[in-house]
C-alpha atoms as a PDB file:
ATOM      1  CA  ASN A   1      -5.392 -21.588  73.568  1.00  0.00           C
ATOM      2  CA  ILE A   2      -2.727 -21.489  76.279  1.00  0.00           C
ATOM      3  CA  LEU A   3      -2.866 -24.084  79.019  1.00  0.00           C
ATOM      4  CA  GLY A   4      -0.540 -23.377  81.924  1.00  0.00           C
ATOM      5  CA  GLY A   5       0.099 -19.713  81.440  1.00  0.00           C
ATOM      6  CA  ASN A   6      -2.544 -18.341  83.874  1.00  0.00           C
ATOM      7  CA  GLY A   7      -1.271 -20.499  86.774  1.00  0.00           C
ATOM      8  CA  GLN A   8       2.174 -18.786  86.518  1.00  0.00           C
ATOM      9  CA  ALA A   9       1.012 -15.243  85.729  1.00  0.00           C
ATOM     10  CA  GLY A  10       2.419 -12.621  88.085  1.00  0.00           C
ATOM     11  CA  LYS A  11       4.851 -15.013  89.839  1.00  0.00           C
ATOM     12  CA  THR A  12       8.564 -14.382  89.947  1.00  0.00           C
ATOM     13  CA  ASN A  13      10.960 -16.717  88.180  1.00  0.00           C
ATOM     14  CA  ARG A  14      12.224 -17.855  91.523  1.00  0.00           C
ATOM     15  CA  LYS A  15       8.782 -18.884  92.664  1.00  0.00           C
ATOM     16  CA  LYS A  16       8.053 -20.513  89.243  1.00  0.00           C
ATOM     17  CA  ASN A  17      11.209 -22.606  89.437  1.00  0.00           C
ATOM     18  CA  LYS A  18      10.422 -23.594  93.091  1.00  0.00           C
ATOM     19  CA  GLU A  19       6.987 -24.885  92.035  1.00  0.00           C
ATOM     20  CA  ARG A  20       8.432 -26.774  89.028  1.00  0.00           C
ATOM     21  CA  LYS A  21      10.941 -28.551  91.382  1.00  0.00           C
ATOM     22  CA  LYS A  22       8.052 -29.627  93.503  1.00  0.00           C
ATOM     23  CA  GLY A  23       6.299 -31.093  90.506  1.00  0.00           C
ATOM     24  CA  TYR A  24       3.950 -28.304  89.330  1.00  0.00           C
ATOM     25  CA  GLU A  25       2.406 -29.328  85.934  1.00  0.00           C
ATOM     26  CA  THR A  26      -0.293 -28.028  83.623  1.00  0.00           C
ATOM     27  CA  ASN A  27      -1.596 -31.030  81.689  1.00  0.00           C
ATOM     28  CA  LEU A  28      -4.150 -31.393  78.950  1.00  0.00           C
ATOM     29  CA  SER A  29      -6.443 -34.458  79.022  1.00  0.00           C
ATOM     30  CA  GLY A  30      -8.754 -34.079  76.096  1.00  0.00           C
ATOM     31  CA  LEU A  31      -8.832 -31.987  72.963  1.00  0.00           C
ATOM     32  CA  GLN A  32      -7.504 -28.427  72.312  1.00  0.00           C
ATOM     33  CA  ILE A  33      -8.758 -26.674  69.191  1.00  0.00           C
ATOM     34  CA  SER A  34      -7.761 -23.175  67.970  1.00  0.00           C
ATOM     35  CA  GLY A  35      -7.448 -21.080  64.913  1.00  0.00           C
ATOM     36  CA  LEU A  36      -3.800 -20.017  65.479  1.00  0.00           C
ATOM     37  CA  VAL A  37      -1.838 -21.480  68.521  1.00  0.00           C
ATOM     38  CA  ASN A  38      -2.324 -24.266  70.954  1.00  0.00           C
ATOM     39  CA  TYR A  39       0.173 -24.486  73.876  1.00  0.00           C
ATOM     40  CA  VAL A  40       0.353 -26.816  76.841  1.00  0.00           C
ATOM     41  CA  GLY A  41       2.835 -26.058  79.668  1.00  0.00           C
ATOM     42  CA  SER A  42       3.488 -29.730  80.467  1.00  0.00           C
ATOM     43  CA  ASN A  43       1.844 -32.847  79.042  1.00  0.00           C
ATOM     44  CA  THR A  44      -0.861 -33.578  76.467  1.00  0.00           C
ATOM     45  CA  PHE A  45      -2.952 -36.729  76.719  1.00  0.00           C
ATOM     46  CA  GLY A  46      -5.267 -36.382  73.829  1.00  0.00           C
ATOM     47  CA  GLY A  47      -5.072 -34.018  70.784  1.00  0.00           C
ATOM     48  CA  GLN A  48      -4.234 -30.613  69.572  1.00  0.00           C
ATOM     49  CA  ILE A  49      -5.813 -29.185  66.405  1.00  0.00           C
ATOM     50  CA  THR A  50      -4.995 -25.748  64.810  1.00  0.00           C
ATOM     51  CA  LEU A  51      -4.409 -24.002  61.527  1.00  0.00           C
ATOM     52  CA  GLY A  52      -1.246 -22.581  63.028  1.00  0.00           C
ATOM     53  CA  ILE A  53       1.137 -24.027  65.602  1.00  0.00           C
ATOM     54  CA  ASN A  54       0.787 -26.815  68.272  1.00  0.00           C
ATOM     55  CA  SER A  55       3.231 -26.906  71.118  1.00  0.00           C
ATOM     56  CA  THR A  56       3.487 -29.295  74.163  1.00  0.00           C
ATOM     57  CA  SER A  57       6.338 -28.580  76.513  1.00  0.00           C
ATOM     58  CA  LYS A  58       6.866 -32.152  77.813  1.00  0.00           C
ATOM     59  CA  TYR A  59       5.114 -35.295  76.597  1.00  0.00           C
ATOM     60  CA  LEU A  60       2.499 -35.989  73.921  1.00  0.00           C
ATOM     61  CA  ILE A  61       0.479 -39.134  74.066  1.00  0.00           C
ATOM     62  CA  GLY A  62      -2.013 -38.573  71.342  1.00  0.00           C
ATOM     63  CA  SER A  63      -2.103 -36.442  68.122  1.00  0.00           C
ATOM     64  CA  GLN A  64      -1.207 -33.073  66.835  1.00  0.00           C
ATOM     65  CA  PHE A  65      -2.689 -31.748  63.647  1.00  0.00           C
ATOM     66  CA  SER A  66      -1.613 -28.283  62.363  1.00  0.00           C
ATOM     67  CA  GLY A  67      -1.445 -26.139  59.318  1.00  0.00           C
ATOM     68  CA  ILE A  68       2.081 -24.904  60.126  1.00  0.00           C
ATOM     69  CA  PHE A  69       4.105 -26.672  62.727  1.00  0.00           C
ATOM     70  CA  ASN A  70       3.921 -29.200  65.654  1.00  0.00           C
ATOM     71  CA  TYR A  71       6.421 -29.244  68.588  1.00  0.00           C
ATOM     72  CA  VAL A  72       6.913 -31.574  71.535  1.00  0.00           C
ATOM     73  CA  GLY A  73       9.541 -30.923  74.119  1.00  0.00           C
ATOM     74  CA  PHE A  74      10.229 -34.529  75.330  1.00  0.00           C
ATOM     75  CA  PHE A  75       8.754 -37.542  73.717  1.00  0.00           C
ATOM     76  CA  THR A  76       5.714 -38.384  71.582  1.00  0.00           C
ATOM     77  CA  ILE A  77       3.748 -41.606  71.424  1.00  0.00           C
ATOM     78  CA  GLY A  78       1.270 -40.936  68.683  1.00  0.00           C
ATOM     79  CA  THR A  79       0.805 -38.771  65.540  1.00  0.00           C
ATOM     80  CA  GLN A  80       2.159 -35.451  64.275  1.00  0.00           C
ATOM     81  CA  ILE A  81       0.668 -34.205  61.028  1.00  0.00           C
ATOM     82  CA  SER A  82       1.370 -30.754  59.577  1.00  0.00           C
ATOM     83  CA  LEU A  83       1.953 -28.954  56.296  1.00  0.00           C
ATOM     84  CA  ILE A  84       5.400 -27.410  57.129  1.00  0.00           C
ATOM     85  CA  GLY A  85       7.039 -29.529  59.939  1.00  0.00           C
ATOM     86  CA  ASN A  86       6.988 -31.738  62.930  1.00  0.00           C
ATOM     87  CA  TYR A  87       9.568 -31.806  65.738  1.00  0.00           C
ATOM     88  CA  THR A  88       9.920 -34.022  68.808  1.00  0.00           C
ATOM     89  CA  LYS A  89      12.991 -32.998  70.789  1.00  0.00           C
ATOM     90  CA  LYS A  90      13.601 -36.434  72.389  1.00  0.00           C
ATOM     91  CA  SER A  91      12.150 -39.719  71.252  1.00  0.00           C
ATOM     92  CA  MET A  92       9.229 -40.454  68.961  1.00  0.00           C
ATOM     93  CA  SER A  93       7.076 -43.559  68.479  1.00  0.00           C
ATOM     94  CA  GLY A  94       4.430 -43.188  65.874  1.00  0.00           C
ATOM     95  CA  ILE A  95       3.852 -41.212  62.684  1.00  0.00           C
ATOM     96  CA  GLN A  96       5.273 -37.823  61.490  1.00  0.00           C
ATOM     97  CA  LEU A  97       3.810 -36.581  58.265  1.00  0.00           C
ATOM     98  CA  SER A  98       4.523 -33.204  56.666  1.00  0.00           C
ATOM     99  CA  ILE A  99       5.441 -31.651  53.284  1.00  0.00           C
ATOM    100  CA  LEU A 100       8.744 -30.217  54.446  1.00  0.00           C
ATOM    101  CA  ILE A 101      10.429 -31.588  57.616  1.00  0.00           C
ATOM    102  CA  ASN A 102      10.052 -34.239  60.273  1.00  0.00           C
ATOM    103  CA  SER A 103      12.607 -34.539  63.026  1.00  0.00           C
ATOM    104  CA  THR A 104      13.368 -36.184  66.327  1.00  0.00           C
ATOM    105  CA  ASN A 105      16.739 -35.946  68.151  1.00  0.00           C
ATOM    106  CA  SER A 106      16.718 -39.360  69.807  1.00  0.00           C
ATOM    107  CA  ARG A 107      15.189 -42.787  69.281  1.00  0.00           C
ATOM    108  CA  PHE A 108      12.470 -43.161  66.613  1.00  0.00           C
ATOM    109  CA  SER A 109      10.126 -45.945  65.738  1.00  0.00           C
ATOM    110  CA  GLY A 110       7.280 -45.647  63.314  1.00  0.00           C
ATOM    111  CA  ILE A 111       6.980 -43.751  59.961  1.00  0.00           C
ATOM    112  CA  GLN A 112       8.393 -40.434  58.898  1.00  0.00           C
ATOM    113  CA  PHE A 113       7.046 -39.122  55.548  1.00  0.00           C
ATOM    114  CA  GLY A 114       8.208 -35.670  54.289  1.00  0.00           C
ATOM    115  CA  SER A 115      10.774 -33.966  52.101  1.00  0.00           C
ATOM    116  CA  PHE A 116      13.426 -34.046  54.826  1.00  0.00           C
ATOM    117  CA  ASN A 117      13.345 -36.640  57.649  1.00  0.00           C
ATOM    118  CA  HIS A 118      15.748 -36.900  60.567  1.00  0.00           C
ATOM    119  CA  ALA A 119      15.960 -39.335  63.480  1.00  0.00           C
ATOM    120  CA  GLY A 120      18.712 -39.507  66.018  1.00  0.00           C
ATOM    121  CA  GLU A 121      18.559 -43.241  66.124  1.00  0.00           C
ATOM    122  CA  ILE A 122      16.379 -45.931  64.534  1.00  0.00           C
ATOM    123  CA  GLY A 123      16.255 -49.225  66.361  1.00  0.00           C
ATOM    124  CA  ASN A 124      18.471 -52.124  65.312  1.00  0.00           C
ATOM    125  CA  ARG A 125      16.417 -55.016  64.087  1.00  0.00           C
ATOM    126  CA  LYS A 126      19.466 -57.263  63.665  1.00  0.00           C
ATOM    127  CA  GLY A 127      22.435 -57.993  65.868  1.00  0.00           C
ATOM    128  CA  PRO A 128      23.096 -59.550  69.293  1.00  0.00           C
ATOM    129  CA  THR A 129      20.524 -57.306  71.125  1.00  0.00           C
ATOM    130  CA  PRO A 130      17.708 -56.274  68.750  1.00  0.00           C
ATOM    131  CA  GLY A 131      16.206 -53.072  70.119  1.00  0.00           C
ATOM    132  CA  TYR A 132      12.997 -51.147  70.183  1.00  0.00           C
ATOM    133  CA  GLY A 133      10.667 -51.016  67.225  1.00  0.00           C
ATOM    134  CA  SER A 134      11.962 -50.324  63.716  1.00  0.00           C
ATOM    135  CA  ALA A 135      11.111 -47.419  61.494  1.00  0.00           C
ATOM    136  CA  LEU A 136      10.509 -46.291  57.858  1.00  0.00           C
ATOM    137  CA  GLN A 137      11.684 -42.957  56.491  1.00  0.00           C
ATOM    138  CA  ILE A 138      10.329 -41.906  53.046  1.00  0.00           C
ATOM    139  CA  GLY A 139      11.453 -38.602  51.695  1.00  0.00           C
ATOM    140  CA  LEU A 140      13.749 -36.701  49.415  1.00  0.00           C
ATOM    141  CA  ILE A 141      16.558 -36.662  52.097  1.00  0.00           C
ATOM    142  CA  ASN A 142      16.540 -39.081  55.046  1.00  0.00           C
ATOM    143  CA  THR A 143      19.138 -38.890  57.844  1.00  0.00           C
ATOM    144  CA  SER A 144      19.710 -40.819  61.056  1.00  0.00           C
ATOM    145  CA  GLY A 145      22.388 -41.863  63.548  1.00  0.00           C
ATOM    146  CA  ASN A 146      22.420 -45.606  63.964  1.00  0.00           C
ATOM    147  CA  MET A 147      19.824 -47.017  61.617  1.00  0.00           C
ATOM    148  CA  GLY A 148      18.161 -50.356  61.893  1.00  0.00           C
ATOM    149  CA  GLY A 149      14.955 -49.683  59.812  1.00  0.00           C
ATOM    150  CA  TRP A 150      14.324 -48.549  56.295  1.00  0.00           C
ATOM    151  CA  GLN A 151      15.273 -45.430  54.408  1.00  0.00           C
ATOM    152  CA  ILE A 152      13.709 -44.751  50.991  1.00  0.00           C
ATOM    153  CA  GLY A 153      14.528 -41.503  49.265  1.00  0.00           C
ATOM    154  CA  LEU A 154      16.783 -39.667  46.833  1.00  0.00           C
ATOM    155  CA  ILE A 155      19.513 -39.269  49.402  1.00  0.00           C
ATOM    156  CA  ASN A 156      19.886 -41.411  52.494  1.00  0.00           C
ATOM    157  CA  ILE A 157      22.484 -40.707  55.179  1.00  0.00           C
ATOM    158  CA  SER A 158      23.179 -42.818  58.246  1.00  0.00           C
ATOM    159  CA  LYS A 159      25.945 -43.764  60.605  1.00  0.00           C
ATOM    160  CA  LYS A 160      25.887 -47.379  61.647  1.00  0.00           C
ATOM    161  CA  VAL A 161      23.538 -49.205  59.191  1.00  0.00           C
ATOM    162  CA  THR A 162      22.005 -52.576  59.978  1.00  0.00           C
ATOM    163  CA  GLY A 163      18.784 -51.733  58.068  1.00  0.00           C
ATOM    164  CA  THR A 164      18.152 -51.049  54.417  1.00  0.00           C
ATOM    165  CA  GLN A 165      18.698 -47.972  52.396  1.00  0.00           C
ATOM    166  CA  ILE A 166      17.037 -47.526  48.877  1.00  0.00           C
ATOM    167  CA  GLY A 167      17.862 -44.430  47.107  1.00  0.00           C
ATOM    168  CA  LEU A 168      19.707 -42.621  44.401  1.00  0.00           C
ATOM    169  CA  ILE A 169      22.638 -41.807  46.725  1.00  0.00           C
ATOM    170  CA  ASN A 170      23.293 -43.656  49.987  1.00  0.00           C
ATOM    171  CA  PHE A 171      25.873 -42.783  52.708  1.00  0.00           C
ATOM    172  CA  PHE A 172      26.679 -45.232  55.469  1.00  0.00           C
ATOM    173  CA  THR A 173      29.145 -47.007  57.703  1.00  0.00           C
ATOM    174  CA  SER A 174      29.141 -50.716  58.559  1.00  0.00           C
ATOM    175  CA  GLY A 175      30.832 -53.451  60.340  1.00  0.00           C
ATOM    176  CA  THR A 176      31.012 -51.638  63.686  1.00  0.00           C
ATOM    177  CA  GLN A 177      30.185 -54.658  65.826  1.00  0.00           C
ATOM    178  CA  VAL A 178      31.283 -58.245  65.315  1.00  0.00           C
ATOM    179  CA  ASP A 179      27.890 -59.853  65.713  1.00  0.00           C
ATOM    180  CA  TYR A 180      25.905 -57.316  63.605  1.00  0.00           C
ATOM    181  CA  LYS A 181      24.771 -58.157  60.126  1.00  0.00           C
ATOM    182  CA  ASP A 182      25.051 -55.150  57.965  1.00  0.00           C
ATOM    183  CA  GLY A 183      22.128 -53.981  56.041  1.00  0.00           C
ATOM    184  CA  PRO A 184      22.068 -53.520  52.266  1.00  0.00           C
ATOM    185  CA  ALA A 185      22.199 -50.241  50.369  1.00  0.00           C
ATOM    186  CA  TYR A 186      20.486 -50.157  46.977  1.00  0.00           C
ATOM    187  CA  GLY A 187      21.291 -47.036  44.915  1.00  0.00           C
ATOM    188  CA  LEU A 188      22.943 -45.602  41.913  1.00  0.00           C
ATOM    189  CA  LEU A 189      25.771 -44.354  44.136  1.00  0.00           C
ATOM    190  CA  ASN A 190      26.615 -45.955  47.499  1.00  0.00           C
ATOM    191  CA  PHE A 191      29.303 -44.365  49.644  1.00  0.00           C
ATOM    192  CA  GLY A 192      30.219 -46.267  52.758  1.00  0.00           C
ATOM    193  CA  TYR A 193      33.127 -47.638  54.545  1.00  0.00           C
ATOM    194  CA  TYR A 194      33.737 -50.676  56.689  1.00  0.00           C
ATOM    195  CA  ILE A 195      35.155 -50.358  60.174  1.00  0.00           C
ATOM    196  CA  ASN A 196      37.005 -53.537  61.272  1.00  0.00           C
ATOM    197  CA  PRO A 197      35.605 -54.242  64.818  1.00  0.00           C
ATOM    198  CA  ARG A 198      38.571 -56.502  65.873  1.00  0.00           C
END
């Protein structure tokens, strides 16, 4: 199922780019079901279900369920569940569940459950300006930039940590801002360093 391909068929790249600049979109409002591939050229408001791959070029507000992989080009508010992996290019608020990999490059709030989980940033729940919602990562390897939520796994890796890490091996930095309370790291081996903010 391809939503958005027919409207652009036979047009030159110049004409396609001109239409995009004017706000041309191909949105899905509802449910898209296929055996192999679901593709939406712009936004999905609803759900995509397939045994293969789901792809939404811009925003997903809803759910993706696939046998192989789910992809969203901008942000997701909702759920991504697949066997192999889930990827939201920008921010994600909701649940990512897969056997292998869950990833978002920017802010994440919600739950990631898989072998490898990555979030660009998980909101600070402590400090002078507590941010957006917190998150929980459960997996063999969990990574994030600034982390103000929870990481539970064999190996946890984060930059500035104001949340909690529970794992066999934890990597972190702390003490980056005067008013922040550093989060604890519980593990057999904890590797971190303190940055004096003054």
